[in-house]
N, C-alpha and C. Protein backbone atom coordinates (compact mmCIF):
# COMPACT_ATOMS: atom_id res chain seq x y z
N MET A 1 -8.62 -6.40 -0.62
CA MET A 1 -9.06 -4.64 -0.96
C MET A 1 -8.56 -4.07 -2.05
N ALA A 2 -9.63 -3.23 -2.72
CA ALA A 2 -9.13 -2.64 -3.93
C ALA A 2 -8.13 -1.49 -3.70
N GLU A 3 -7.27 -1.29 -4.85
CA GLU A 3 -6.59 -0.29 -4.70
C GLU A 3 -7.03 1.15 -4.85
N ARG A 4 -6.72 2.07 -4.22
CA ARG A 4 -7.26 3.27 -4.57
C ARG A 4 -6.82 3.89 -5.92
N ARG A 5 -7.86 4.82 -6.51
CA ARG A 5 -7.87 5.15 -7.75
C ARG A 5 -6.46 5.91 -8.39
N ASP A 6 -6.02 6.96 -7.20
CA ASP A 6 -4.70 7.60 -7.40
C ASP A 6 -3.49 6.71 -7.55
N VAL A 7 -3.46 5.59 -6.55
CA VAL A 7 -2.67 4.48 -6.77
C VAL A 7 -2.69 3.79 -8.21
N ILE A 8 -3.79 3.57 -8.52
CA ILE A 8 -4.04 2.76 -9.94
C ILE A 8 -3.34 3.88 -11.01
N ARG A 9 -3.83 5.10 -11.05
CA ARG A 9 -3.30 5.82 -12.13
C ARG A 9 -1.77 6.31 -11.89
N THR A 10 -1.14 6.25 -10.81
CA THR A 10 -0.06 6.30 -10.78
C THR A 10 0.99 5.36 -11.36
N LYS A 11 0.54 4.18 -10.74
CA LYS A 11 0.94 2.91 -11.49
C LYS A 11 0.95 2.89 -12.97
N LYS A 12 -0.23 3.27 -13.42
CA LYS A 12 -0.50 3.06 -14.86
C LYS A 12 0.33 4.08 -15.77
N ALA A 13 0.61 5.24 -15.12
CA ALA A 13 1.35 6.12 -15.58
C ALA A 13 2.75 5.94 -15.54
N LEU A 14 3.43 5.11 -14.65
CA LEU A 14 4.69 4.91 -14.57
C LEU A 14 4.81 3.53 -15.65
N ILE A 15 3.66 2.48 -15.57
CA ILE A 15 3.86 1.52 -16.69
C ILE A 15 3.84 1.86 -18.00
N THR A 16 3.07 3.00 -18.16
CA THR A 16 2.84 3.34 -19.56
C THR A 16 4.14 4.32 -20.15
N ALA A 17 4.86 5.05 -19.20
CA ALA A 17 5.84 5.59 -19.51
C ALA A 17 7.22 4.72 -19.93
N THR A 18 7.16 3.78 -18.96
CA THR A 18 8.31 2.60 -19.31
C THR A 18 8.00 1.96 -20.61
N TYR A 19 6.62 1.67 -20.81
CA TYR A 19 6.45 0.75 -22.20
C TYR A 19 6.81 1.75 -23.33
N GLU A 20 6.35 3.11 -23.03
CA GLU A 20 6.53 3.96 -24.36
C GLU A 20 8.50 4.03 -24.58
N LEU A 21 8.93 4.24 -23.55
CA LEU A 21 10.38 4.42 -23.55
C LEU A 21 10.93 3.10 -24.06
N ILE A 22 10.44 2.02 -24.06
CA ILE A 22 10.76 0.67 -24.59
C ILE A 22 10.61 0.56 -25.92
N GLN A 23 9.47 1.06 -26.37
CA GLN A 23 9.09 1.14 -28.03
C GLN A 23 9.93 2.07 -28.57
N GLU A 24 10.57 3.36 -28.06
CA GLU A 24 11.30 3.79 -28.62
C GLU A 24 12.58 3.19 -29.47
N PRO A 25 12.91 3.33 -30.70
CA PRO A 25 14.02 2.89 -31.36
C PRO A 25 15.26 3.05 -30.74
N HIS A 26 15.99 2.04 -30.77
CA HIS A 26 17.41 1.71 -30.07
C HIS A 26 17.62 2.24 -28.70
N THR A 27 16.45 1.93 -27.85
CA THR A 27 16.57 1.98 -26.42
C THR A 27 17.28 0.75 -25.92
N LYS A 28 18.28 1.23 -25.22
CA LYS A 28 19.30 -0.04 -24.37
C LYS A 28 19.13 0.15 -23.25
N THR A 29 19.08 1.14 -22.55
CA THR A 29 18.69 1.20 -20.94
C THR A 29 17.85 2.39 -20.65
N ILE A 30 17.07 2.14 -19.48
CA ILE A 30 16.07 3.28 -19.23
C ILE A 30 16.36 3.48 -17.81
N THR A 31 16.62 4.65 -17.39
CA THR A 31 16.70 5.04 -15.99
C THR A 31 15.76 5.44 -15.24
N VAL A 32 15.70 5.48 -14.12
CA VAL A 32 14.60 6.14 -13.02
C VAL A 32 14.22 7.47 -13.66
N ASN A 33 15.26 8.45 -13.81
CA ASN A 33 15.02 9.58 -14.37
C ASN A 33 14.19 9.69 -15.61
N ASP A 34 14.46 8.90 -16.60
CA ASP A 34 13.90 8.60 -17.68
C ASP A 34 12.20 8.50 -17.64
N ILE A 35 11.86 7.41 -16.77
CA ILE A 35 10.72 7.31 -16.24
C ILE A 35 10.13 8.46 -15.48
N LEU A 36 10.64 8.90 -14.66
CA LEU A 36 10.04 9.99 -13.91
C LEU A 36 9.75 11.29 -14.72
N GLU A 37 10.68 11.71 -15.68
CA GLU A 37 10.37 12.71 -16.59
C GLU A 37 9.15 12.30 -17.50
N ARG A 38 9.07 11.13 -18.01
CA ARG A 38 8.10 10.79 -18.87
C ARG A 38 6.60 10.62 -18.23
N ALA A 39 6.66 10.02 -16.81
CA ALA A 39 5.37 10.15 -16.53
C ALA A 39 5.11 11.25 -15.48
N ASN A 40 5.87 12.20 -15.25
CA ASN A 40 5.78 13.42 -14.63
C ASN A 40 5.48 13.04 -13.13
N ILE A 41 6.35 12.35 -12.71
CA ILE A 41 5.95 11.66 -11.15
C ILE A 41 7.52 11.82 -10.42
N SER A 42 7.17 11.94 -9.21
CA SER A 42 8.41 12.15 -8.30
C SER A 42 9.02 10.91 -8.02
N ARG A 43 10.48 11.05 -7.74
CA ARG A 43 11.31 9.88 -7.21
C ARG A 43 10.69 9.06 -6.20
N GLY A 44 10.20 9.98 -5.04
CA GLY A 44 9.55 9.37 -4.03
C GLY A 44 8.30 8.57 -4.18
N THR A 45 7.43 8.98 -5.26
CA THR A 45 6.42 8.46 -5.64
C THR A 45 6.58 7.17 -6.33
N PHE A 46 7.56 7.17 -7.37
CA PHE A 46 8.18 5.94 -7.98
C PHE A 46 8.58 4.91 -6.90
N TYR A 47 9.42 5.27 -5.64
CA TYR A 47 9.80 4.15 -4.87
C TYR A 47 8.77 3.82 -3.90
N ALA A 48 7.63 4.38 -3.74
CA ALA A 48 6.63 4.16 -3.06
C ALA A 48 5.82 2.86 -3.49
N HIS A 49 5.89 2.59 -5.02
CA HIS A 49 5.36 1.61 -5.76
C HIS A 49 6.31 0.65 -6.17
N TYR A 50 7.25 0.76 -6.54
CA TYR A 50 8.09 -0.01 -7.08
C TYR A 50 9.30 -0.03 -6.39
N LYS A 51 9.91 -1.17 -6.09
CA LYS A 51 11.57 -1.48 -5.48
C LYS A 51 12.54 -0.64 -6.45
N ASN A 52 12.46 -1.08 -7.61
CA ASN A 52 13.38 -0.62 -8.67
C ASN A 52 13.03 -0.79 -10.00
N ILE A 53 13.91 -0.65 -11.01
CA ILE A 53 13.34 -0.62 -12.43
C ILE A 53 13.12 -2.07 -12.81
N PRO A 54 13.85 -3.21 -12.35
CA PRO A 54 13.38 -4.47 -12.69
C PRO A 54 12.01 -4.92 -12.36
N ASP A 55 11.68 -4.51 -10.82
CA ASP A 55 10.21 -4.47 -10.45
C ASP A 55 9.14 -3.95 -11.30
N LEU A 56 9.42 -2.71 -11.78
CA LEU A 56 8.44 -2.10 -12.90
C LEU A 56 8.43 -2.74 -13.93
N ILE A 57 9.73 -3.36 -14.56
CA ILE A 57 9.56 -4.03 -15.85
C ILE A 57 8.87 -5.27 -15.71
N ASP A 58 8.87 -5.81 -14.59
CA ASP A 58 7.76 -7.28 -14.22
C ASP A 58 6.36 -6.56 -14.41
N ALA A 59 6.02 -5.47 -13.73
CA ALA A 59 4.62 -4.90 -14.09
C ALA A 59 4.51 -4.61 -15.50
N VAL A 60 5.59 -4.09 -16.25
CA VAL A 60 5.19 -3.67 -17.58
C VAL A 60 5.04 -5.04 -18.43
N GLU A 61 5.65 -5.98 -18.12
CA GLU A 61 5.47 -7.36 -18.80
C GLU A 61 4.20 -7.77 -18.53
N ASP A 62 3.53 -7.84 -17.48
CA ASP A 62 2.21 -8.17 -17.14
C ASP A 62 1.35 -7.21 -17.96
N TYR A 63 1.60 -6.00 -18.25
CA TYR A 63 0.68 -4.90 -18.91
C TYR A 63 0.64 -5.37 -20.15
N ILE A 64 2.01 -5.53 -20.78
CA ILE A 64 2.02 -6.18 -22.14
C ILE A 64 1.23 -7.40 -22.49
N LEU A 65 1.14 -8.32 -21.61
CA LEU A 65 0.45 -9.57 -21.58
C LEU A 65 -0.86 -9.26 -21.66
N ASP A 66 -1.27 -8.38 -20.72
CA ASP A 66 -2.90 -7.85 -20.80
C ASP A 66 -3.15 -7.45 -22.31
N GLN A 67 -2.22 -6.69 -22.52
CA GLN A 67 -2.55 -5.88 -23.90
C GLN A 67 -2.64 -6.84 -25.28
N PHE A 68 -1.89 -8.03 -24.96
CA PHE A 68 -1.98 -9.05 -25.97
C PHE A 68 -2.88 -10.28 -25.52
N ASN A 69 -4.09 -10.09 -24.94
CA ASN A 69 -4.95 -10.87 -24.36
C ASN A 69 -5.33 -11.86 -25.73
N GLU A 70 -5.48 -11.10 -26.61
CA GLU A 70 -6.26 -11.97 -27.89
C GLU A 70 -5.34 -12.88 -28.31
N LEU A 71 -4.12 -13.06 -27.87
CA LEU A 71 -3.21 -14.28 -28.21
C LEU A 71 -3.79 -15.30 -27.55
N PHE A 72 -4.49 -15.17 -26.22
CA PHE A 72 -5.04 -16.19 -25.69
C PHE A 72 -6.51 -16.55 -25.56
N ASP A 73 -7.24 -15.35 -25.91
CA ASP A 73 -8.66 -15.15 -26.00
C ASP A 73 -9.37 -16.00 -26.98
N HIS A 74 -8.81 -16.22 -27.96
CA HIS A 74 -9.41 -16.97 -29.19
C HIS A 74 -9.56 -18.61 -28.79
N LEU A 75 -8.94 -18.67 -27.68
CA LEU A 75 -8.61 -20.03 -27.57
C LEU A 75 -9.76 -20.64 -26.65
N THR A 76 -10.80 -20.16 -26.62
CA THR A 76 -12.06 -20.68 -25.88
C THR A 76 -12.45 -22.13 -26.22
N ALA A 77 -12.20 -22.73 -27.15
CA ALA A 77 -12.61 -24.31 -27.20
C ALA A 77 -11.40 -24.82 -28.00
N ILE A 78 -10.87 -26.16 -27.55
CA ILE A 78 -9.86 -26.62 -28.27
C ILE A 78 -10.42 -27.46 -29.59
N PRO A 79 -9.72 -27.00 -30.86
CA PRO A 79 -10.01 -27.57 -32.06
C PRO A 79 -9.93 -29.31 -31.91
N LYS A 80 -10.80 -29.81 -32.46
CA LYS A 80 -10.78 -31.44 -32.27
C LYS A 80 -10.33 -31.92 -33.60
N ASP A 81 -10.30 -31.21 -34.58
CA ASP A 81 -9.85 -32.05 -35.96
C ASP A 81 -8.58 -31.19 -36.36
N LYS A 82 -8.03 -31.55 -37.41
CA LYS A 82 -6.81 -31.10 -38.15
C LYS A 82 -7.14 -30.01 -38.71
N ILE A 83 -8.25 -29.70 -39.31
CA ILE A 83 -8.62 -28.57 -40.19
C ILE A 83 -8.76 -27.40 -39.32
N GLU A 84 -9.75 -27.41 -37.95
CA GLU A 84 -9.79 -26.43 -37.13
C GLU A 84 -8.56 -25.88 -36.43
N THR A 85 -7.71 -26.99 -36.24
CA THR A 85 -6.66 -26.80 -35.24
C THR A 85 -5.53 -26.01 -36.17
N ARG A 86 -5.42 -26.25 -37.36
CA ARG A 86 -4.74 -25.39 -38.20
C ARG A 86 -4.97 -24.10 -38.34
N GLN A 87 -6.27 -24.14 -38.55
CA GLN A 87 -7.09 -22.40 -38.72
C GLN A 87 -6.74 -21.93 -37.16
N ALA A 88 -6.72 -22.40 -36.23
CA ALA A 88 -6.54 -21.95 -34.99
C ALA A 88 -5.06 -21.37 -34.95
N ILE A 89 -4.11 -22.28 -35.48
CA ILE A 89 -2.71 -22.04 -35.39
C ILE A 89 -2.32 -20.93 -36.22
N VAL A 90 -2.92 -20.77 -37.48
CA VAL A 90 -2.70 -19.78 -38.55
C VAL A 90 -3.18 -18.58 -37.83
N GLN A 91 -4.43 -18.53 -37.16
CA GLN A 91 -4.76 -17.31 -36.52
C GLN A 91 -3.85 -16.79 -35.29
N LEU A 92 -3.52 -17.68 -34.78
CA LEU A 92 -2.50 -17.26 -33.71
C LEU A 92 -1.16 -16.64 -34.20
N ILE A 93 -0.56 -17.12 -35.34
CA ILE A 93 0.53 -16.54 -36.17
C ILE A 93 0.10 -15.26 -36.61
N ASN A 94 -0.99 -15.35 -37.21
CA ASN A 94 -1.32 -13.95 -37.71
C ASN A 94 -1.44 -12.77 -36.70
N ILE A 95 -1.88 -13.03 -35.30
CA ILE A 95 -2.01 -12.15 -34.25
C ILE A 95 -0.65 -11.79 -34.01
N ILE A 96 0.38 -12.92 -33.78
CA ILE A 96 1.81 -12.52 -33.38
C ILE A 96 2.30 -11.65 -34.58
N GLU A 97 2.16 -12.08 -35.85
CA GLU A 97 2.78 -11.32 -36.96
C GLU A 97 2.20 -9.91 -36.86
N SER A 98 0.88 -9.56 -36.56
CA SER A 98 0.31 -8.14 -36.75
C SER A 98 0.91 -7.38 -35.67
N ARG A 99 1.33 -7.89 -34.52
CA ARG A 99 1.87 -7.23 -33.43
C ARG A 99 3.39 -7.45 -33.34
N GLN A 100 3.95 -7.80 -34.53
CA GLN A 100 5.51 -8.26 -34.56
C GLN A 100 6.51 -7.09 -33.96
N SER A 101 6.06 -5.90 -34.42
CA SER A 101 6.93 -4.57 -34.24
C SER A 101 6.85 -4.31 -32.70
N ASP A 102 5.61 -4.55 -32.12
CA ASP A 102 5.55 -4.05 -30.70
C ASP A 102 6.25 -5.23 -29.79
N LEU A 103 5.99 -6.68 -30.31
CA LEU A 103 6.60 -7.57 -29.59
C LEU A 103 7.99 -7.64 -29.57
N LYS A 104 8.65 -7.22 -30.78
CA LYS A 104 9.97 -7.28 -31.09
C LYS A 104 10.85 -6.40 -30.09
N SER A 105 10.17 -4.95 -29.96
CA SER A 105 10.79 -4.08 -29.08
C SER A 105 10.87 -4.61 -27.60
N ILE A 106 9.67 -5.31 -27.25
CA ILE A 106 9.77 -5.56 -25.82
C ILE A 106 10.65 -6.76 -25.51
N PHE A 107 10.65 -7.75 -26.65
CA PHE A 107 11.55 -8.92 -26.45
C PHE A 107 12.76 -8.46 -26.44
N ASN A 108 13.30 -7.34 -27.19
CA ASN A 108 14.85 -6.74 -27.23
C ASN A 108 15.02 -6.28 -25.95
N TYR A 109 14.21 -5.53 -25.23
CA TYR A 109 14.59 -4.89 -24.10
C TYR A 109 14.44 -5.66 -22.83
N VAL A 110 13.43 -6.30 -22.59
CA VAL A 110 13.30 -7.23 -21.38
C VAL A 110 13.92 -8.64 -21.52
N ASP A 111 13.86 -9.16 -20.46
CA ASP A 111 14.52 -10.58 -20.46
C ASP A 111 13.38 -11.37 -21.22
N ASP A 112 13.91 -11.84 -22.49
CA ASP A 112 12.80 -12.64 -23.24
C ASP A 112 12.62 -13.89 -22.77
N VAL A 113 13.38 -14.58 -22.24
CA VAL A 113 13.12 -15.86 -21.68
C VAL A 113 12.13 -15.90 -20.41
N ARG A 114 12.30 -14.80 -19.74
CA ARG A 114 11.15 -14.62 -18.55
C ARG A 114 9.73 -14.47 -19.11
N LEU A 115 9.72 -13.33 -20.28
CA LEU A 115 8.45 -12.94 -20.82
C LEU A 115 7.96 -14.28 -21.51
N GLN A 116 8.89 -15.00 -22.40
CA GLN A 116 8.55 -16.26 -23.12
C GLN A 116 7.67 -17.05 -21.83
N HIS A 117 8.52 -17.26 -20.80
CA HIS A 117 7.81 -18.17 -19.82
C HIS A 117 6.54 -17.75 -19.26
N LYS A 118 6.41 -16.32 -19.23
CA LYS A 118 5.03 -15.87 -18.67
C LYS A 118 3.92 -16.20 -19.67
N ILE A 119 4.47 -15.84 -20.92
CA ILE A 119 3.42 -16.24 -22.18
C ILE A 119 3.12 -17.44 -22.18
N LYS A 120 3.85 -18.59 -21.85
CA LYS A 120 3.53 -19.83 -21.86
C LYS A 120 2.70 -20.42 -20.62
N ILE A 121 3.07 -19.60 -19.68
CA ILE A 121 2.12 -19.93 -18.50
C ILE A 121 0.82 -19.73 -18.52
N ARG A 122 0.49 -18.37 -19.21
CA ARG A 122 -1.04 -18.06 -19.58
C ARG A 122 -1.47 -18.67 -20.56
N PHE A 123 -0.57 -19.07 -21.65
CA PHE A 123 -1.39 -19.82 -22.79
C PHE A 123 -1.55 -21.60 -22.43
N THR A 124 -0.76 -21.89 -21.36
CA THR A 124 -1.03 -23.37 -20.55
C THR A 124 -2.24 -23.32 -19.91
N TYR A 125 -2.26 -22.20 -19.22
CA TYR A 125 -3.53 -22.12 -18.19
C TYR A 125 -4.71 -22.15 -18.97
N LYS A 126 -4.73 -21.30 -20.10
CA LYS A 126 -5.90 -21.07 -21.14
C LYS A 126 -6.31 -22.39 -21.54
N ILE A 127 -5.29 -23.07 -22.22
CA ILE A 127 -5.60 -24.52 -22.92
C ILE A 127 -6.00 -25.41 -21.83
N ALA A 128 -5.29 -25.42 -20.54
CA ALA A 128 -5.95 -26.55 -19.59
C ALA A 128 -7.41 -26.15 -19.20
N LYS A 129 -7.82 -24.69 -19.08
CA LYS A 129 -9.14 -24.54 -18.66
C LYS A 129 -10.07 -24.57 -19.79
N SER A 130 -9.71 -24.84 -20.94
CA SER A 130 -10.60 -25.01 -22.20
C SER A 130 -10.82 -26.73 -22.37
N LEU A 131 -9.60 -27.32 -21.93
CA LEU A 131 -9.84 -28.74 -22.14
C LEU A 131 -10.61 -29.27 -20.80
N SER A 132 -10.32 -28.69 -19.73
CA SER A 132 -11.25 -28.93 -18.42
C SER A 132 -12.80 -28.71 -18.85
N GLU A 133 -13.14 -27.72 -19.53
CA GLU A 133 -14.60 -27.23 -19.69
C GLU A 133 -15.33 -27.96 -20.88
N THR A 134 -14.37 -28.27 -21.91
CA THR A 134 -14.84 -28.58 -23.39
C THR A 134 -14.58 -30.32 -23.61
N ALA A 135 -13.61 -30.99 -22.76
CA ALA A 135 -13.37 -32.12 -23.27
C ALA A 135 -13.21 -33.07 -22.02
N ASN A 136 -13.31 -34.50 -22.44
CA ASN A 136 -13.15 -35.16 -21.23
C ASN A 136 -11.86 -35.81 -21.28
N VAL A 137 -10.81 -35.12 -20.74
CA VAL A 137 -9.44 -35.21 -20.57
C VAL A 137 -8.92 -35.96 -19.35
N HIS A 138 -8.28 -36.99 -19.34
CA HIS A 138 -7.65 -37.63 -18.19
C HIS A 138 -6.89 -36.57 -17.53
N ASP A 139 -5.95 -35.98 -18.01
CA ASP A 139 -4.93 -34.73 -17.27
C ASP A 139 -4.77 -33.62 -17.96
N PRO A 140 -5.79 -32.62 -17.90
CA PRO A 140 -5.71 -31.53 -18.72
C PRO A 140 -4.44 -30.80 -18.52
N GLU A 141 -3.90 -30.61 -17.24
CA GLU A 141 -2.65 -29.93 -17.09
C GLU A 141 -1.38 -30.31 -17.87
N PHE A 142 -1.24 -31.65 -17.71
CA PHE A 142 -0.09 -32.32 -18.52
C PHE A 142 -0.31 -32.04 -20.08
N LEU A 143 -1.57 -32.22 -20.55
CA LEU A 143 -1.65 -32.17 -21.89
C LEU A 143 -1.61 -30.82 -22.48
N SER A 144 -2.13 -29.79 -21.60
CA SER A 144 -1.91 -28.28 -21.91
C SER A 144 -0.35 -27.81 -21.97
N VAL A 145 0.37 -28.57 -21.11
CA VAL A 145 1.84 -28.21 -21.07
C VAL A 145 2.37 -28.73 -22.40
N CYS A 146 2.02 -29.79 -22.81
CA CYS A 146 2.35 -30.51 -23.93
C CYS A 146 2.13 -29.58 -25.29
N ILE A 147 1.01 -29.39 -25.16
CA ILE A 147 0.11 -28.54 -26.50
C ILE A 147 0.87 -27.19 -26.60
N CYS A 148 1.30 -26.60 -25.35
CA CYS A 148 1.92 -25.28 -25.39
C CYS A 148 3.12 -25.26 -26.00
N SER A 149 3.86 -26.52 -25.46
CA SER A 149 5.08 -26.58 -26.21
C SER A 149 5.30 -26.66 -27.75
N ILE A 150 4.38 -27.72 -27.87
CA ILE A 150 4.33 -27.89 -29.53
C ILE A 150 3.94 -26.90 -30.20
N ILE A 151 2.93 -25.82 -29.84
CA ILE A 151 2.80 -24.67 -30.42
C ILE A 151 3.61 -23.44 -30.28
N PHE A 152 4.14 -23.23 -29.22
CA PHE A 152 4.79 -22.00 -28.94
C PHE A 152 6.06 -22.14 -29.07
N ASN A 153 6.97 -23.30 -28.89
CA ASN A 153 8.15 -23.14 -29.27
C ASN A 153 8.63 -23.08 -30.59
N PRO A 154 7.90 -23.91 -31.56
CA PRO A 154 8.04 -23.43 -33.00
C PRO A 154 7.94 -21.94 -33.57
N ILE A 155 6.75 -21.60 -33.02
CA ILE A 155 6.27 -20.00 -33.35
C ILE A 155 7.26 -19.19 -32.87
N ILE A 156 7.75 -19.27 -31.81
CA ILE A 156 8.98 -18.61 -31.16
C ILE A 156 10.15 -18.28 -31.86
N LYS A 157 10.47 -19.65 -32.53
CA LYS A 157 11.54 -19.62 -33.46
C LYS A 157 11.41 -19.01 -34.73
N TRP A 158 10.01 -19.22 -35.05
CA TRP A 158 9.70 -18.54 -36.56
C TRP A 158 9.75 -17.15 -36.35
N PHE A 159 9.11 -16.77 -34.97
CA PHE A 159 9.11 -15.26 -34.66
C PHE A 159 10.65 -14.49 -34.94
N ASP A 160 11.66 -15.35 -34.45
CA ASP A 160 13.02 -14.92 -34.48
C ASP A 160 13.68 -14.90 -35.99
N HIS A 161 13.11 -15.97 -36.78
CA HIS A 161 13.53 -16.05 -38.03
C HIS A 161 12.68 -16.37 -39.15
N PRO A 162 11.79 -15.32 -39.21
CA PRO A 162 10.44 -15.34 -39.99
C PRO A 162 10.69 -15.86 -41.43
N GLY A 163 11.73 -15.78 -42.17
CA GLY A 163 12.03 -16.00 -43.37
C GLY A 163 12.25 -17.38 -43.64
N ASP A 164 12.62 -18.19 -42.67
CA ASP A 164 13.09 -19.66 -42.84
C ASP A 164 11.75 -20.51 -43.23
N VAL A 165 10.73 -20.39 -42.84
CA VAL A 165 9.38 -21.07 -43.41
C VAL A 165 8.14 -20.06 -43.61
N THR A 166 7.51 -20.53 -44.45
CA THR A 166 6.07 -19.75 -44.37
C THR A 166 5.20 -19.96 -43.03
N LYS A 167 4.35 -19.11 -42.63
CA LYS A 167 3.60 -19.36 -41.75
C LYS A 167 2.61 -20.78 -42.03
N GLU A 168 2.11 -20.51 -43.11
CA GLU A 168 1.38 -21.96 -43.55
C GLU A 168 1.97 -23.04 -43.37
N HIS A 169 3.32 -23.17 -43.81
CA HIS A 169 4.13 -24.47 -43.42
C HIS A 169 4.35 -24.74 -41.92
N LEU A 170 4.64 -23.44 -41.36
CA LEU A 170 4.52 -23.75 -39.86
C LEU A 170 3.41 -24.45 -39.43
N ALA A 171 2.44 -23.72 -39.84
CA ALA A 171 1.02 -24.26 -39.20
C ALA A 171 0.94 -25.74 -39.57
N ASP A 172 1.13 -26.12 -40.89
CA ASP A 172 1.07 -27.51 -41.36
C ASP A 172 1.77 -28.57 -40.38
N ASN A 173 3.20 -28.00 -40.12
CA ASN A 173 4.29 -28.88 -39.34
C ASN A 173 3.41 -29.22 -37.94
N ILE A 174 3.09 -27.88 -37.27
CA ILE A 174 2.54 -27.94 -35.82
C ILE A 174 1.32 -29.09 -36.02
N THR A 175 0.36 -28.71 -36.53
CA THR A 175 -0.74 -29.54 -36.66
C THR A 175 -0.40 -31.01 -36.99
N ARG A 176 0.74 -31.39 -38.14
CA ARG A 176 0.98 -32.79 -38.22
C ARG A 176 1.59 -33.15 -37.08
N PHE A 177 2.22 -32.50 -36.25
CA PHE A 177 3.00 -33.07 -35.21
C PHE A 177 1.69 -33.49 -33.93
N ILE A 178 0.92 -32.47 -33.73
CA ILE A 178 -0.26 -32.79 -33.00
C ILE A 178 -1.11 -33.96 -33.23
N PHE A 179 -1.22 -34.24 -34.40
CA PHE A 179 -2.27 -35.15 -34.86
C PHE A 179 -1.51 -36.43 -35.29
N ASP A 180 -0.38 -36.41 -35.66
CA ASP A 180 0.15 -37.61 -36.53
C ASP A 180 1.60 -37.85 -35.57
N GLY A 181 1.99 -37.20 -34.80
CA GLY A 181 3.19 -37.47 -33.80
C GLY A 181 4.53 -37.03 -34.74
N TYR A 182 5.57 -37.26 -33.93
CA TYR A 182 6.92 -36.97 -34.12
C TYR A 182 7.45 -38.01 -35.37
N LYS A 183 6.71 -39.24 -35.29
CA LYS A 183 7.28 -40.35 -36.24
C LYS A 183 6.77 -39.98 -37.82
N SER A 184 5.87 -39.04 -37.96
CA SER A 184 5.53 -38.65 -39.20
C SER A 184 6.24 -37.83 -39.74
N PHE A 185 7.33 -37.33 -38.97
CA PHE A 185 8.52 -36.49 -39.82
C PHE A 185 9.54 -37.29 -40.35
N PHE A 186 9.73 -38.69 -40.00
CA PHE A 186 10.73 -39.46 -40.53
C PHE A 186 10.36 -40.13 -41.80
N ASN A 187 11.38 -40.31 -42.54
CA ASN A 187 11.12 -40.71 -44.15
C ASN A 187 10.93 -42.39 -43.92
């Protein structure tokens, strides 16, 4: 059964208000009153839709991931060679880099481990779906988990310390690992 429009509008107002509060510089804590004031919604209405702030934050995380769908949408087909793979990785890094200020404020406020897990789940699902549709792969779920880890873990580390390596070097290393394996990093 579809939600009523007024319920959808109210939830969107609460999510948007919370998202805006998170985006404000130096936000450490957000209270229900902060959200109610920003969304212009009553306390009873808030609790009719969400149990507490963590419940609302979970909805905000899903909203954020929906806003960053382009992170996942350009993965409609899994590249089959090094050049295409490297280009796809650079494109992914560019998307993350262009949204870095938005992402950083979110990761600084919410439980970034949980949000990273949600991102990986969506990314893994997208890769598995692409593998199933475009390639004859024995175990697309297993392969998608491996690919996701190989790609996202270094990107997340780079995101935390962007000056350590260039994005081109990062893309080269990820591509090298995917195609040549970990032994290619030994002398």
